[in-house]
């Protein structure tokens, strides 16, 4: 049986939220037609603004009230690393 890509397993995920370099590389390899994933851009800019708006909407729609308030949830860690 084939292993799942690193971005879907723990070894490809950053403990502080999002993906680590290995996870981004495996995602880019598995999806060659899409633009490559890049590291967070916490200093600002259009890319950060777009990410924050998209993730805030996902947080409202896809998480429970408990997860939305949990500082250790993956979505809140990702938002924190992007300074959202």
N, C-alpha and C. Protein backbone atom coordinates (compact mmCIF):
# COMPACT_ATOMS: atom_id res chain seq x y z
N UNK A 1 0.85 -1.18 0.00
CA UNK A 1 0.00 0.00 0.00
C UNK A 1 0.89 1.24 0.00
N UNK A 2 0.54 2.23 -0.79
CA UNK A 2 1.34 3.44 -0.91
C UNK A 2 1.13 4.35 0.31
N UNK A 3 2.21 5.01 0.70
CA UNK A 3 2.11 5.95 1.81
C UNK A 3 1.43 7.23 1.34
N UNK A 4 0.72 7.86 2.23
CA UNK A 4 0.12 9.14 1.89
C UNK A 4 1.22 10.20 1.86
N UNK A 5 1.01 11.29 1.12
CA UNK A 5 2.04 12.34 1.06
C UNK A 5 2.31 12.94 2.43
N UNK A 6 3.50 13.51 2.59
CA UNK A 6 3.91 14.06 3.88
C UNK A 6 2.98 15.18 4.34
N UNK A 7 2.41 15.94 3.40
CA UNK A 7 1.56 17.06 3.82
C UNK A 7 0.27 16.60 4.47
N UNK A 8 -0.07 15.32 4.31
CA UNK A 8 -1.25 14.76 4.95
C UNK A 8 -0.93 14.03 6.25
N UNK A 9 0.36 13.86 6.53
CA UNK A 9 0.79 13.16 7.74
C UNK A 9 1.43 14.14 8.71
N UNK A 10 1.65 13.68 9.92
CA UNK A 10 2.22 14.51 10.98
C UNK A 10 3.60 15.04 10.62
N UNK A 11 4.41 14.24 9.91
CA UNK A 11 5.78 14.66 9.61
C UNK A 11 5.84 15.86 8.66
N UNK A 12 4.76 16.15 7.94
CA UNK A 12 4.74 17.29 7.03
C UNK A 12 4.08 18.52 7.62
N UNK A 13 3.62 18.42 8.86
CA UNK A 13 2.91 19.53 9.49
C UNK A 13 3.78 20.22 10.52
N UNK A 14 3.67 21.52 10.55
CA UNK A 14 4.42 22.32 11.51
C UNK A 14 3.68 22.28 12.84
N UNK A 15 4.37 22.03 13.95
CA UNK A 15 3.67 22.00 15.25
C UNK A 15 3.06 23.34 15.62
N UNK A 16 3.52 24.42 15.00
CA UNK A 16 2.97 25.75 15.27
C UNK A 16 1.86 26.12 14.30
N UNK A 17 1.40 25.19 13.49
CA UNK A 17 0.32 25.43 12.54
C UNK A 17 0.83 25.48 11.12
N UNK A 18 0.02 25.02 10.19
CA UNK A 18 0.40 25.02 8.79
C UNK A 18 1.31 23.85 8.45
N UNK A 19 2.01 23.98 7.32
CA UNK A 19 2.91 22.93 6.86
C UNK A 19 4.35 23.36 7.04
N UNK A 20 5.22 22.38 7.24
CA UNK A 20 6.65 22.68 7.28
C UNK A 20 7.20 22.57 5.86
N UNK A 21 8.51 22.74 5.69
CA UNK A 21 9.11 22.72 4.36
C UNK A 21 8.90 21.38 3.66
N UNK A 22 9.00 20.28 4.40
CA UNK A 22 8.80 18.96 3.81
C UNK A 22 7.35 18.79 3.35
N UNK A 23 6.42 19.29 4.12
CA UNK A 23 5.01 19.20 3.75
C UNK A 23 4.69 20.03 2.52
N UNK A 24 5.25 21.24 2.44
CA UNK A 24 5.03 22.08 1.26
C UNK A 24 5.64 21.42 0.02
N UNK A 25 6.84 20.84 0.17
CA UNK A 25 7.48 20.18 -0.97
C UNK A 25 6.67 18.98 -1.46
N UNK A 26 6.12 18.20 -0.54
CA UNK A 26 5.34 17.03 -0.95
C UNK A 26 4.03 17.46 -1.60
N UNK A 27 3.42 18.53 -1.14
CA UNK A 27 2.19 19.04 -1.75
C UNK A 27 2.49 19.52 -3.17
N UNK A 28 3.57 20.27 -3.33
CA UNK A 28 3.93 20.79 -4.64
C UNK A 28 4.24 19.64 -5.62
N UNK A 29 4.84 18.57 -5.12
CA UNK A 29 5.15 17.41 -5.96
C UNK A 29 3.87 16.67 -6.36
N UNK A 30 2.91 16.58 -5.45
CA UNK A 30 1.67 15.87 -5.72
C UNK A 30 0.71 16.67 -6.60
N UNK A 31 0.89 17.99 -6.67
CA UNK A 31 0.01 18.86 -7.44
C UNK A 31 0.83 19.72 -8.40
N UNK A 32 1.39 19.13 -9.47
CA UNK A 32 2.30 19.87 -10.33
C UNK A 32 1.66 21.00 -11.14
N UNK A 33 0.38 20.93 -11.43
CA UNK A 33 -0.26 21.96 -12.25
C UNK A 33 -0.63 23.20 -11.48
N UNK A 34 -0.64 23.12 -10.16
CA UNK A 34 -1.04 24.26 -9.32
C UNK A 34 0.18 25.10 -8.96
N UNK A 35 -0.05 26.37 -8.66
CA UNK A 35 1.10 27.16 -8.18
C UNK A 35 1.59 26.60 -6.85
N UNK A 36 2.88 26.64 -6.64
CA UNK A 36 3.47 26.05 -5.44
C UNK A 36 3.08 26.76 -4.16
N UNK A 37 3.02 25.98 -3.09
CA UNK A 37 2.77 26.55 -1.77
C UNK A 37 4.01 27.28 -1.30
N UNK A 38 3.82 28.37 -0.61
CA UNK A 38 4.94 29.14 -0.08
C UNK A 38 4.82 29.23 1.43
N UNK A 39 5.89 29.64 2.07
CA UNK A 39 5.90 29.80 3.52
C UNK A 39 5.00 30.99 3.91
N UNK A 40 4.58 31.08 5.19
CA UNK A 40 3.76 32.20 5.63
C UNK A 40 4.44 33.55 5.37
N UNK A 41 3.60 34.58 5.22
CA UNK A 41 4.06 35.93 4.98
C UNK A 41 3.52 36.83 6.09
N UNK A 42 4.04 36.68 7.32
CA UNK A 42 3.46 37.40 8.45
C UNK A 42 3.70 38.91 8.43
N UNK A 43 4.65 39.39 7.63
CA UNK A 43 4.95 40.82 7.64
C UNK A 43 3.90 41.66 6.92
N UNK A 44 3.01 41.04 6.17
CA UNK A 44 1.92 41.79 5.54
C UNK A 44 1.95 41.66 4.04
N UNK A 45 1.01 42.30 3.40
CA UNK A 45 0.92 42.26 1.96
C UNK A 45 -0.40 41.64 1.51
N UNK A 46 -0.62 41.67 0.21
CA UNK A 46 -1.87 41.18 -0.35
C UNK A 46 -2.05 39.68 -0.11
N UNK A 47 -0.96 38.93 -0.17
CA UNK A 47 -1.05 37.48 0.04
C UNK A 47 -1.50 37.17 1.47
N UNK A 48 -0.97 37.88 2.42
CA UNK A 48 -1.36 37.66 3.81
C UNK A 48 -2.82 38.08 4.03
N UNK A 49 -3.21 39.21 3.47
CA UNK A 49 -4.59 39.67 3.63
C UNK A 49 -5.58 38.66 3.05
N UNK A 50 -5.24 38.11 1.89
CA UNK A 50 -6.10 37.11 1.26
C UNK A 50 -6.19 35.85 2.11
N UNK A 51 -5.04 35.39 2.62
CA UNK A 51 -5.02 34.20 3.46
C UNK A 51 -5.87 34.40 4.71
N UNK A 52 -5.69 35.53 5.37
CA UNK A 52 -6.42 35.79 6.62
C UNK A 52 -7.93 35.83 6.38
N UNK A 53 -8.35 36.50 5.31
CA UNK A 53 -9.78 36.57 5.01
C UNK A 53 -10.35 35.18 4.72
N UNK A 54 -9.62 34.40 3.94
CA UNK A 54 -10.09 33.05 3.59
C UNK A 54 -10.15 32.15 4.82
N UNK A 55 -9.13 32.18 5.65
CA UNK A 55 -9.10 31.31 6.82
C UNK A 55 -10.11 31.72 7.88
N UNK A 56 -10.36 33.01 8.04
CA UNK A 56 -11.38 33.44 8.99
C UNK A 56 -12.75 32.90 8.58
N UNK A 57 -13.04 32.92 7.28
CA UNK A 57 -14.29 32.36 6.79
C UNK A 57 -14.38 30.87 7.03
N UNK A 58 -13.27 30.17 6.80
CA UNK A 58 -13.23 28.72 7.03
C UNK A 58 -13.40 28.42 8.52
N UNK A 59 -12.80 29.25 9.34
CA UNK A 59 -12.89 29.04 10.79
C UNK A 59 -14.34 29.14 11.24
N UNK A 60 -15.05 30.15 10.73
CA UNK A 60 -16.46 30.32 11.11
C UNK A 60 -17.33 29.18 10.61
N UNK A 61 -17.05 28.72 9.39
CA UNK A 61 -17.91 27.74 8.76
C UNK A 61 -17.61 26.30 9.19
N UNK A 62 -16.33 25.98 9.37
CA UNK A 62 -15.95 24.58 9.52
C UNK A 62 -15.56 24.13 10.92
N UNK A 63 -15.47 25.03 11.88
CA UNK A 63 -15.04 24.61 13.21
C UNK A 63 -16.17 24.72 14.22
N UNK A 64 -16.06 23.91 15.25
CA UNK A 64 -17.04 23.99 16.34
C UNK A 64 -16.69 25.18 17.23
N UNK A 65 -17.57 25.54 18.11
CA UNK A 65 -17.32 26.66 19.03
C UNK A 65 -16.11 26.36 19.92
N UNK A 66 -15.97 25.10 20.31
CA UNK A 66 -14.85 24.70 21.16
C UNK A 66 -13.52 24.86 20.41
N UNK A 67 -13.46 24.39 19.17
CA UNK A 67 -12.23 24.48 18.37
C UNK A 67 -11.90 25.92 18.04
N UNK A 68 -12.90 26.73 17.75
CA UNK A 68 -12.67 28.13 17.38
C UNK A 68 -12.00 28.91 18.49
N UNK A 69 -12.25 28.53 19.74
CA UNK A 69 -11.67 29.25 20.88
C UNK A 69 -10.40 28.60 21.42
N UNK A 70 -10.07 27.40 20.93
CA UNK A 70 -8.91 26.67 21.42
C UNK A 70 -7.62 27.22 20.81
N UNK A 71 -6.70 27.78 21.61
CA UNK A 71 -5.47 28.33 21.04
C UNK A 71 -4.54 27.27 20.47
N UNK A 72 -4.75 26.00 20.80
CA UNK A 72 -3.91 24.93 20.29
C UNK A 72 -4.49 24.24 19.06
N UNK A 73 -5.62 24.73 18.53
CA UNK A 73 -6.16 24.12 17.32
C UNK A 73 -5.29 24.51 16.13
N UNK A 74 -5.23 23.66 15.13
CA UNK A 74 -4.36 23.90 13.98
C UNK A 74 -4.74 25.19 13.25
N UNK A 75 -6.03 25.48 13.13
CA UNK A 75 -6.44 26.68 12.41
C UNK A 75 -6.02 27.94 13.16
N UNK A 76 -6.12 27.93 14.48
CA UNK A 76 -5.70 29.10 15.25
C UNK A 76 -4.19 29.27 15.26
N UNK A 77 -3.45 28.17 15.24
CA UNK A 77 -1.99 28.26 15.16
C UNK A 77 -1.57 28.84 13.82
N UNK A 78 -2.25 28.41 12.74
CA UNK A 78 -1.91 28.94 11.41
C UNK A 78 -2.22 30.43 11.34
N UNK A 79 -3.35 30.85 11.86
CA UNK A 79 -3.72 32.27 11.85
C UNK A 79 -2.72 33.08 12.67
N UNK A 80 -2.24 32.53 13.76
CA UNK A 80 -1.26 33.23 14.58
C UNK A 80 0.07 33.37 13.85
N UNK A 81 0.50 32.32 13.15
CA UNK A 81 1.78 32.40 12.45
C UNK A 81 1.75 33.39 11.30
N UNK A 82 0.56 33.68 10.78
CA UNK A 82 0.41 34.68 9.72
C UNK A 82 0.08 36.06 10.29
N UNK A 83 0.01 36.21 11.61
CA UNK A 83 -0.35 37.47 12.26
C UNK A 83 -1.73 37.97 11.82
N UNK A 84 -2.71 37.07 11.80
CA UNK A 84 -4.08 37.44 11.42
C UNK A 84 -4.83 37.92 12.66
